[in-house]
Amino acid sequence: MPRGASSAKSGEVLIFERHIWAEKDGSITAAVWSRRFSLILPNGRGFPERHTHLLRSHDLGKTWTYLAHVGLGGEPAIARLSDREWVAVTRPDAHMSNLLQHRSLDGGKTWKFERALEEGSVMPDLVLMSHGVLACSYGRPVSNLMFSVDGGRTWRDHRVISDRANFNYTAIREISPGRLLYMHDGQIPGTLARINSLYIVVEKAEP
C-alpha cells in the first residue's frame, strides 16, 4: 500500500468488501478499504479516516497488487457503467454523515470525488440493472433504495423499504431482468435483529 493508505494500526486488517470482478485477461479486481486515525482527542480516543482502494490479483487471489485510490470513505459499493466509466459510493465515517460519491472515467485507474449525496450513511450497494437503471440501496435512517437513470449524476425515487431500525446494512442483486433481491437487517421491537429479504420489481418509465 502507498504511504498514507495503509491501515491505522500494525495489527489491523485491510477490509475486502463484496465488490469483486473477473477481468478479461484472467485477473481479479477487488474493492477494499483501510482506516487511519487522523484525529486524536485529549482522552486518547481516535476518529478513523476511511479510504477506499482497488487491488488486483493475477494468481486467483493468492497475492494482490495496488491498483488505485478511489477516495475518502469505507464500505464501498462500485458499479461499472462501461469499460471506462465507473461510479463508487462510500461511507465517510463512523457517524451519520451522508454518503460520498466518486467517479472514474478511465476504467478505475484514477478517481475524482463528485459530491456528498443527499441521503444515506451506511453500507451502500450498487447494481446497474439490465434495463439501464442504476439502483442504490443504503441504510440509516432505516433501510432504503434509490434509482438513477443517468449513471448516478442525479438520484430520484427514494423509497423506504423497511422502517425497522438496527444496523440497516443492505445488499441488492438483480436476479432476473427488472427484478431485485433486496436484503437488509432490521429488528422488530422486543426481538433480536434478523436478516430480511424481499423482491422488488423495477420498471424503467419512458420520459
Protein backbone atom coordinates (compact mmCIF):
# COMPACT_ATOMS: atom_id res chain seq x y z
CA MET A 1 0.00 0.00 0.00
CA PRO A 2 1.23 3.55 -0.69
CA ARG A 3 2.31 5.71 2.24
CA GLY A 4 -0.76 7.23 3.89
CA ALA A 5 -3.06 4.48 2.63
CA SER A 6 -2.11 1.65 4.98
CA SER A 7 -4.22 0.72 7.99
CA ALA A 8 -4.16 2.74 11.18
CA LYS A 9 -2.58 0.06 13.38
CA SER A 10 0.03 -2.58 12.62
CA GLY A 11 -2.38 -5.36 13.57
CA GLU A 12 -5.37 -4.00 11.69
CA VAL A 13 -6.64 -5.79 8.60
CA LEU A 14 -7.34 -4.37 5.18
CA ILE A 15 -11.07 -4.89 4.70
CA PHE A 16 -12.26 -6.55 1.49
CA GLU A 17 -15.83 -5.57 0.61
CA ARG A 18 -18.26 -7.52 -1.55
CA HIS A 19 -17.46 -6.00 -4.96
CA ILE A 20 -15.02 -8.14 -6.94
CA TRP A 21 -14.72 -8.72 -10.70
CA ALA A 22 -13.06 -11.16 -13.08
CA GLU A 23 -11.19 -9.26 -15.79
CA LYS A 24 -10.91 -10.28 -19.46
CA ASP A 25 -7.21 -11.13 -19.01
CA GLY A 26 -7.98 -13.57 -16.17
CA SER A 27 -7.00 -11.23 -13.34
CA ILE A 28 -9.29 -10.22 -10.46
CA THR A 29 -10.09 -6.70 -9.22
CA ALA A 30 -11.44 -6.14 -5.70
CA ALA A 31 -12.66 -3.16 -3.68
CA VAL A 32 -11.05 -2.75 -0.24
CA TRP A 33 -10.88 -0.07 2.44
CA SER A 34 -8.50 0.99 5.17
CA ARG A 35 -8.69 3.14 8.31
CA ARG A 36 -6.28 5.71 9.72
CA PHE A 37 -6.76 7.60 12.98
CA SER A 38 -6.26 11.16 11.78
CA LEU A 39 -7.84 12.94 14.76
CA ILE A 40 -6.84 12.08 18.35
CA LEU A 41 -8.72 13.71 21.23
CA PRO A 42 -7.09 14.60 24.58
CA ASN A 43 -8.69 11.50 26.11
CA GLY A 44 -6.81 9.36 23.59
CA ARG A 45 -9.87 8.41 21.55
CA GLY A 46 -9.26 8.44 17.81
CA PHE A 47 -11.61 9.07 14.92
CA PRO A 48 -10.73 6.88 11.94
CA GLU A 49 -10.37 8.34 8.46
CA ARG A 50 -11.52 5.76 5.95
CA HIS A 51 -10.21 5.31 2.42
CA THR A 52 -11.37 3.04 -0.42
CA HIS A 53 -8.90 1.38 -2.81
CA LEU A 54 -8.79 -1.11 -5.67
CA LEU A 55 -6.46 -4.13 -5.63
CA ARG A 56 -5.70 -6.58 -8.43
CA SER A 57 -4.61 -10.22 -8.38
CA HIS A 58 -3.09 -12.22 -11.24
CA ASP A 59 -2.93 -15.53 -9.33
CA LEU A 60 -6.54 -16.15 -8.30
CA GLY A 61 -6.27 -14.10 -5.12
CA LYS A 62 -3.09 -15.57 -3.65
CA THR A 63 -1.30 -12.21 -3.90
CA TRP A 64 -2.56 -8.69 -4.57
CA THR A 65 -1.06 -5.52 -6.04
CA TYR A 66 -2.23 -1.96 -5.50
CA LEU A 67 -4.28 -0.51 -8.38
CA ALA A 68 -5.90 2.78 -7.35
CA HIS A 69 -7.11 5.06 -4.57
CA VAL A 70 -10.84 5.60 -5.06
CA GLY A 71 -11.33 8.24 -2.39
CA LEU A 72 -12.42 9.05 1.12
CA GLY A 73 -14.81 6.64 2.81
CA GLY A 74 -15.19 2.94 3.55
CA GLU A 75 -17.84 0.24 3.00
CA PRO A 76 -17.62 0.91 -0.76
CA ALA A 77 -20.06 0.00 -3.49
CA ILE A 78 -18.78 0.22 -7.08
CA ALA A 79 -20.68 -0.12 -10.35
CA ARG A 80 -19.12 -0.39 -13.80
CA LEU A 81 -21.28 1.68 -16.13
CA SER A 82 -19.00 0.87 -19.08
CA ASP A 83 -15.44 -0.33 -19.64
CA ARG A 84 -14.18 3.17 -18.83
CA GLU A 85 -16.82 4.80 -16.60
CA TRP A 86 -17.15 3.50 -13.05
CA VAL A 87 -19.01 5.04 -10.11
CA ALA A 88 -18.44 4.43 -6.39
CA VAL A 89 -20.44 5.28 -3.26
CA THR A 90 -18.71 5.16 0.14
CA ARG A 91 -19.47 5.67 3.82
CA PRO A 92 -17.41 8.65 5.05
CA ASP A 93 -17.05 7.92 8.78
CA ALA A 94 -18.49 6.25 11.86
CA HIS A 95 -21.16 8.90 12.33
CA MET A 96 -24.40 9.71 10.50
CA SER A 97 -22.66 11.64 7.72
CA ASN A 98 -24.12 11.44 4.22
CA LEU A 99 -22.66 9.00 1.68
CA LEU A 100 -19.93 10.16 -0.72
CA GLN A 101 -19.85 9.58 -4.48
CA HIS A 102 -16.74 9.19 -6.68
CA ARG A 103 -16.29 8.62 -10.43
CA SER A 104 -13.63 7.18 -12.73
CA LEU A 105 -13.53 7.79 -16.49
CA ASP A 106 -10.52 5.59 -17.25
CA GLY A 107 -11.56 2.14 -16.09
CA GLY A 108 -10.81 2.62 -12.40
CA LYS A 109 -7.22 3.86 -12.77
CA THR A 110 -7.92 7.36 -11.42
CA TRP A 111 -10.87 8.73 -9.47
CA LYS A 112 -12.39 12.11 -8.64
CA PHE A 113 -14.68 12.98 -5.74
CA GLU A 114 -18.03 14.01 -7.18
CA ARG A 115 -20.30 15.03 -4.30
CA ALA A 116 -21.87 14.17 -0.98
CA LEU A 117 -25.24 12.54 -1.56
CA GLU A 118 -28.44 13.92 -0.11
CA GLU A 119 -29.26 10.76 1.87
CA GLY A 120 -27.82 7.65 3.41
CA SER A 121 -24.98 6.97 5.84
CA VAL A 122 -24.03 3.25 5.94
CA MET A 123 -23.27 0.24 3.72
CA PRO A 124 -24.48 1.26 0.25
CA ASP A 125 -24.79 -1.24 -2.58
CA LEU A 126 -24.94 -0.52 -6.32
CA VAL A 127 -26.39 -2.56 -9.18
CA LEU A 128 -26.57 -1.48 -12.83
CA MET A 129 -29.75 -3.24 -13.92
CA SER A 130 -30.27 -4.82 -17.34
CA HIS A 131 -32.60 -2.01 -18.50
CA GLY A 132 -30.03 0.67 -17.64
CA VAL A 133 -31.36 1.83 -14.27
CA LEU A 134 -28.69 2.22 -11.58
CA ALA A 135 -30.09 1.07 -8.23
CA CYS A 136 -28.55 2.01 -4.88
CA SER A 137 -29.57 0.53 -1.53
CA TYR A 138 -28.42 2.20 1.67
CA GLY A 139 -29.08 2.33 5.39
CA ARG A 140 -29.66 4.75 8.26
CA PRO A 141 -32.03 6.02 8.93
CA VAL A 142 -33.77 2.66 8.32
CA SER A 143 -33.37 0.68 5.04
CA ASN A 144 -33.79 2.49 1.74
CA LEU A 145 -33.47 2.33 -2.04
CA MET A 146 -32.96 4.98 -4.73
CA PHE A 147 -32.54 5.00 -8.51
CA SER A 148 -30.67 6.87 -11.22
CA VAL A 149 -31.19 6.84 -14.99
CA ASP A 150 -28.08 8.94 -15.74
CA GLY A 151 -25.31 6.90 -14.16
CA GLY A 152 -25.64 8.40 -10.69
CA ARG A 153 -25.38 12.05 -11.69
CA THR A 154 -28.85 12.52 -10.24
CA TRP A 155 -30.80 10.23 -7.89
CA ARG A 156 -34.57 10.01 -7.65
CA ASP A 157 -37.40 7.82 -6.40
CA HIS A 158 -36.03 7.48 -2.87
CA ARG A 159 -38.00 4.72 -1.17
CA VAL A 160 -38.11 3.44 2.41
CA ILE A 161 -38.03 -0.35 2.08
CA SER A 162 -38.29 -1.05 5.81
CA ASP A 163 -38.65 1.21 8.83
CA ARG A 164 -37.23 -1.42 11.19
CA ALA A 165 -34.15 0.14 12.78
CA ASN A 166 -30.91 -1.68 13.54
CA PHE A 167 -27.58 -1.63 11.72
CA ASN A 168 -29.59 -1.28 8.49
CA TYR A 169 -26.87 -2.77 6.33
CA THR A 170 -28.22 -3.59 2.87
CA ALA A 171 -27.43 -5.60 -0.26
CA ILE A 172 -29.13 -5.83 -3.66
CA ARG A 173 -28.76 -8.09 -6.71
CA GLU A 174 -30.69 -8.29 -9.99
CA ILE A 175 -31.82 -11.91 -10.07
CA SER A 176 -33.80 -11.62 -13.33
CA PRO A 177 -34.39 -8.72 -15.74
CA GLY A 178 -36.01 -5.87 -13.81
CA ARG A 179 -36.25 -7.81 -10.53
CA LEU A 180 -34.13 -7.01 -7.49
CA LEU A 181 -33.48 -9.14 -4.42
CA TYR A 182 -33.17 -6.68 -1.51
CA MET A 183 -31.62 -7.90 1.75
CA HIS A 184 -31.27 -5.94 4.98
CA ASP A 185 -31.14 -6.36 8.72
CA GLY A 186 -33.90 -5.00 10.89
CA GLN A 187 -35.44 -5.54 14.28
CA ILE A 188 -39.00 -5.97 15.45
CA PRO A 189 -39.29 -4.30 18.90
CA GLY A 190 -38.68 -6.85 21.64
CA THR A 191 -36.93 -9.36 19.35
CA LEU A 192 -33.41 -9.97 18.09
CA ALA A 193 -32.26 -8.37 14.85
CA ARG A 194 -32.67 -10.61 11.81
CA ILE A 195 -31.82 -10.69 8.12
CA ASN A 196 -34.83 -9.86 5.96
CA SER A 197 -35.30 -10.16 2.20
CA LEU A 198 -37.86 -9.24 -0.40
CA TYR A 199 -38.22 -8.95 -4.16
CA ILE A 200 -38.69 -5.58 -5.86
CA VAL A 201 -39.81 -5.15 -9.49
CA VAL A 202 -38.24 -2.08 -11.10
CA GLU A 203 -39.72 -0.70 -14.31
CA LYS A 204 -37.98 1.98 -16.35
CA ALA A 205 -40.52 4.61 -17.31
CA GLU A 206 -40.19 6.35 -20.67
CA PRO A 207 -39.59 10.14 -20.45
